[in-house]
Amino acid sequence: MDTDALEGRWDQFKGMVKERWGKLTDDDLKECEGRHEQLVGKLRQYYDMSEQEAEAQLAEMRQRLHEAHLGARTPPPQR
């Protein structure tokens, strides 16, 4: 999922972010509003992680959201 798709699913993604990174406030997330670079900056600020680490963790979370979205659209297998 690219960053444009993230902007389109920001509300869903925001919930996942709040669960994983509890130091981020609602105001922080409102400031980011789906903008990838701002979210990376907030993770680096609050969690003292490198840019690469923040990027990797966000990529993994975006993948989980993408898979959850696909799973919701895919009908169960026929028996």
N, C-alpha and C. Protein backbone atom coordinates (compact mmCIF):
# COMPACT_ATOMS: atom_id res chain seq x y z
N MET A 1 0.86 -1.17 0.00
CA MET A 1 0.00 0.00 0.00
C MET A 1 0.90 1.23 0.00
N ASP A 2 0.66 2.13 -0.92
CA ASP A 2 1.49 3.32 -0.98
C ASP A 2 0.96 4.39 -0.03
N THR A 3 1.69 5.49 0.05
CA THR A 3 1.30 6.52 1.01
C THR A 3 0.00 7.19 0.61
N ASP A 4 -0.33 7.26 -0.69
CA ASP A 4 -1.61 7.83 -1.11
C ASP A 4 -2.76 6.97 -0.60
N ALA A 5 -2.59 5.66 -0.66
CA ALA A 5 -3.62 4.76 -0.14
C ALA A 5 -3.74 4.92 1.37
N LEU A 6 -2.63 5.19 2.03
CA LEU A 6 -2.67 5.41 3.47
C LEU A 6 -3.55 6.61 3.79
N GLU A 7 -3.42 7.68 3.02
CA GLU A 7 -4.25 8.85 3.26
C GLU A 7 -5.73 8.50 3.14
N GLY A 8 -6.08 7.62 2.21
CA GLY A 8 -7.47 7.23 2.02
C GLY A 8 -8.02 6.37 3.14
N ARG A 9 -7.15 5.68 3.86
CA ARG A 9 -7.58 4.79 4.96
C ARG A 9 -7.04 5.29 6.30
N TRP A 10 -6.87 6.55 6.42
CA TRP A 10 -6.22 7.12 7.59
C TRP A 10 -6.97 6.76 8.88
N ASP A 11 -8.29 6.81 8.88
CA ASP A 11 -9.03 6.53 10.11
C ASP A 11 -8.77 5.12 10.61
N GLN A 12 -8.74 4.15 9.70
CA GLN A 12 -8.44 2.78 10.10
C GLN A 12 -7.00 2.67 10.60
N PHE A 13 -6.10 3.25 9.86
CA PHE A 13 -4.69 3.17 10.20
C PHE A 13 -4.41 3.86 11.52
N LYS A 14 -5.08 4.97 11.75
CA LYS A 14 -4.87 5.74 12.99
C LYS A 14 -5.16 4.89 14.21
N GLY A 15 -6.21 4.08 14.16
CA GLY A 15 -6.52 3.20 15.28
C GLY A 15 -5.40 2.21 15.56
N MET A 16 -4.82 1.66 14.49
CA MET A 16 -3.70 0.72 14.64
C MET A 16 -2.49 1.44 15.24
N VAL A 17 -2.25 2.65 14.79
CA VAL A 17 -1.10 3.43 15.28
C VAL A 17 -1.26 3.72 16.76
N LYS A 18 -2.45 4.09 17.18
CA LYS A 18 -2.70 4.41 18.58
C LYS A 18 -2.50 3.19 19.47
N GLU A 19 -2.88 2.02 18.97
CA GLU A 19 -2.67 0.79 19.75
C GLU A 19 -1.19 0.49 19.92
N ARG A 20 -0.43 0.64 18.86
CA ARG A 20 0.98 0.26 18.87
C ARG A 20 1.86 1.31 19.53
N TRP A 21 1.59 2.57 19.27
CA TRP A 21 2.44 3.65 19.76
C TRP A 21 1.60 4.60 20.61
N GLY A 22 1.39 4.21 21.86
CA GLY A 22 0.52 4.94 22.76
C GLY A 22 0.98 6.34 23.15
N LYS A 23 2.24 6.64 22.91
CA LYS A 23 2.72 7.99 23.25
C LYS A 23 2.18 9.04 22.28
N LEU A 24 1.77 8.62 21.10
CA LEU A 24 1.24 9.58 20.13
C LEU A 24 -0.16 10.00 20.57
N THR A 25 -0.37 11.29 20.65
CA THR A 25 -1.66 11.82 21.09
C THR A 25 -2.60 11.99 19.89
N ASP A 26 -3.87 12.22 20.20
CA ASP A 26 -4.83 12.52 19.14
C ASP A 26 -4.40 13.77 18.37
N ASP A 27 -3.85 14.74 19.08
CA ASP A 27 -3.37 15.95 18.41
C ASP A 27 -2.21 15.64 17.46
N ASP A 28 -1.31 14.76 17.88
CA ASP A 28 -0.20 14.36 17.00
C ASP A 28 -0.75 13.73 15.73
N LEU A 29 -1.70 12.83 15.89
CA LEU A 29 -2.25 12.12 14.73
C LEU A 29 -3.07 13.05 13.85
N LYS A 30 -3.75 14.01 14.47
CA LYS A 30 -4.49 15.00 13.67
C LYS A 30 -3.52 15.84 12.85
N GLU A 31 -2.39 16.17 13.45
CA GLU A 31 -1.36 16.94 12.75
C GLU A 31 -0.82 16.17 11.54
N CYS A 32 -0.68 14.86 11.70
CA CYS A 32 -0.16 14.03 10.61
C CYS A 32 -1.21 13.83 9.52
N GLU A 33 -2.44 13.56 9.90
CA GLU A 33 -3.56 13.34 8.98
C GLU A 33 -3.18 12.54 7.75
N GLY A 34 -2.51 11.42 7.96
CA GLY A 34 -2.19 10.52 6.85
C GLY A 34 -0.93 10.85 6.10
N ARG A 35 -0.24 11.90 6.48
CA ARG A 35 0.99 12.28 5.78
C ARG A 35 2.15 11.48 6.36
N HIS A 36 2.68 10.65 5.54
CA HIS A 36 3.70 9.68 5.93
C HIS A 36 4.92 10.32 6.59
N GLU A 37 5.45 11.34 5.99
CA GLU A 37 6.68 11.96 6.49
C GLU A 37 6.49 12.53 7.90
N GLN A 38 5.31 13.12 8.14
CA GLN A 38 5.05 13.67 9.47
C GLN A 38 4.94 12.56 10.51
N LEU A 39 4.34 11.46 10.13
CA LEU A 39 4.21 10.34 11.06
C LEU A 39 5.58 9.74 11.37
N VAL A 40 6.42 9.61 10.38
CA VAL A 40 7.80 9.13 10.61
C VAL A 40 8.50 10.06 11.59
N GLY A 41 8.34 11.35 11.40
CA GLY A 41 8.96 12.32 12.30
C GLY A 41 8.47 12.19 13.73
N LYS A 42 7.17 11.98 13.90
CA LYS A 42 6.62 11.81 15.25
C LYS A 42 7.15 10.54 15.91
N LEU A 43 7.24 9.46 15.15
CA LEU A 43 7.79 8.22 15.72
C LEU A 43 9.23 8.41 16.13
N ARG A 44 9.99 9.10 15.32
CA ARG A 44 11.39 9.35 15.66
C ARG A 44 11.49 10.22 16.91
N GLN A 45 10.63 11.20 17.02
CA GLN A 45 10.64 12.12 18.16
C GLN A 45 10.27 11.40 19.45
N TYR A 46 9.18 10.65 19.46
CA TYR A 46 8.69 10.03 20.67
C TYR A 46 9.38 8.73 21.04
N TYR A 47 9.86 8.01 20.05
CA TYR A 47 10.39 6.67 20.32
C TYR A 47 11.88 6.54 20.00
N ASP A 48 12.53 7.64 19.70
CA ASP A 48 13.98 7.65 19.48
C ASP A 48 14.43 6.52 18.54
N MET A 49 13.73 6.42 17.41
CA MET A 49 14.11 5.40 16.44
C MET A 49 14.67 6.07 15.19
N SER A 50 15.44 5.30 14.45
CA SER A 50 16.01 5.83 13.23
C SER A 50 14.91 5.98 12.17
N GLU A 51 15.20 6.75 11.17
CA GLU A 51 14.24 6.91 10.08
C GLU A 51 13.94 5.56 9.42
N GLN A 52 14.99 4.76 9.24
CA GLN A 52 14.81 3.45 8.61
C GLN A 52 13.92 2.55 9.46
N GLU A 53 14.12 2.58 10.77
CA GLU A 53 13.31 1.75 11.66
C GLU A 53 11.85 2.20 11.64
N ALA A 54 11.62 3.51 11.68
CA ALA A 54 10.26 4.03 11.62
C ALA A 54 9.60 3.65 10.30
N GLU A 55 10.34 3.80 9.20
CA GLU A 55 9.82 3.43 7.88
C GLU A 55 9.45 1.95 7.84
N ALA A 56 10.32 1.10 8.37
CA ALA A 56 10.08 -0.35 8.34
C ALA A 56 8.85 -0.72 9.17
N GLN A 57 8.71 -0.12 10.34
CA GLN A 57 7.57 -0.44 11.18
C GLN A 57 6.26 0.05 10.57
N LEU A 58 6.30 1.21 9.95
CA LEU A 58 5.10 1.71 9.28
C LEU A 58 4.76 0.87 8.06
N ALA A 59 5.77 0.42 7.33
CA ALA A 59 5.53 -0.43 6.16
C ALA A 59 4.85 -1.73 6.59
N GLU A 60 5.32 -2.30 7.68
CA GLU A 60 4.73 -3.54 8.19
C GLU A 60 3.27 -3.30 8.60
N MET A 61 3.00 -2.17 9.23
CA MET A 61 1.65 -1.88 9.66
C MET A 61 0.74 -1.60 8.45
N ARG A 62 1.26 -0.89 7.44
CA ARG A 62 0.48 -0.66 6.22
C ARG A 62 0.14 -1.98 5.54
N GLN A 63 1.08 -2.92 5.55
CA GLN A 63 0.85 -4.23 4.95
C GLN A 63 -0.27 -4.96 5.71
N ARG A 64 -0.25 -4.89 7.02
CA ARG A 64 -1.30 -5.53 7.81
C ARG A 64 -2.67 -4.92 7.50
N LEU A 65 -2.72 -3.60 7.35
CA LEU A 65 -3.98 -2.94 7.01
C LEU A 65 -4.43 -3.37 5.62
N HIS A 66 -3.51 -3.44 4.69
CA HIS A 66 -3.82 -3.85 3.32
C HIS A 66 -4.37 -5.27 3.30
N GLU A 67 -3.72 -6.17 4.03
CA GLU A 67 -4.17 -7.56 4.09
C GLU A 67 -5.54 -7.66 4.75
N ALA A 68 -5.78 -6.87 5.77
CA ALA A 68 -7.08 -6.88 6.43
C ALA A 68 -8.15 -6.37 5.48
N HIS A 69 -7.82 -5.36 4.69
CA HIS A 69 -8.77 -4.80 3.72
C HIS A 69 -9.08 -5.82 2.63
N LEU A 70 -8.06 -6.52 2.14
CA LEU A 70 -8.28 -7.54 1.13
C LEU A 70 -9.10 -8.69 1.69
N GLY A 71 -8.81 -9.08 2.92
CA GLY A 71 -9.56 -10.16 3.55
C GLY A 71 -11.03 -9.84 3.68
N ALA A 72 -11.33 -8.59 3.94
CA ALA A 72 -12.73 -8.17 4.08
C ALA A 72 -13.46 -8.22 2.75
N ARG A 73 -12.73 -8.05 1.64
CA ARG A 73 -13.34 -8.06 0.32
C ARG A 73 -13.38 -9.44 -0.31
N THR A 74 -12.57 -10.35 0.19
CA THR A 74 -12.48 -11.67 -0.41
C THR A 74 -13.53 -12.59 0.20
N PRO A 75 -14.39 -13.18 -0.63
CA PRO A 75 -15.39 -14.08 -0.06
C PRO A 75 -14.74 -15.35 0.48
N PRO A 76 -15.37 -15.98 1.46
CA PRO A 76 -14.79 -17.22 2.01
C PRO A 76 -14.77 -18.30 0.94
N PRO A 77 -13.84 -19.23 1.05
CA PRO A 77 -13.75 -20.29 0.05
C PRO A 77 -15.01 -21.16 0.07
N GLN A 78 -15.38 -21.64 -1.10
CA GLN A 78 -16.54 -22.53 -1.24
C GLN A 78 -16.17 -23.93 -0.80
N ARG A 79 -17.07 -24.61 -0.15
CA ARG A 79 -16.83 -26.00 0.27
C ARG A 79 -17.56 -26.94 -0.62
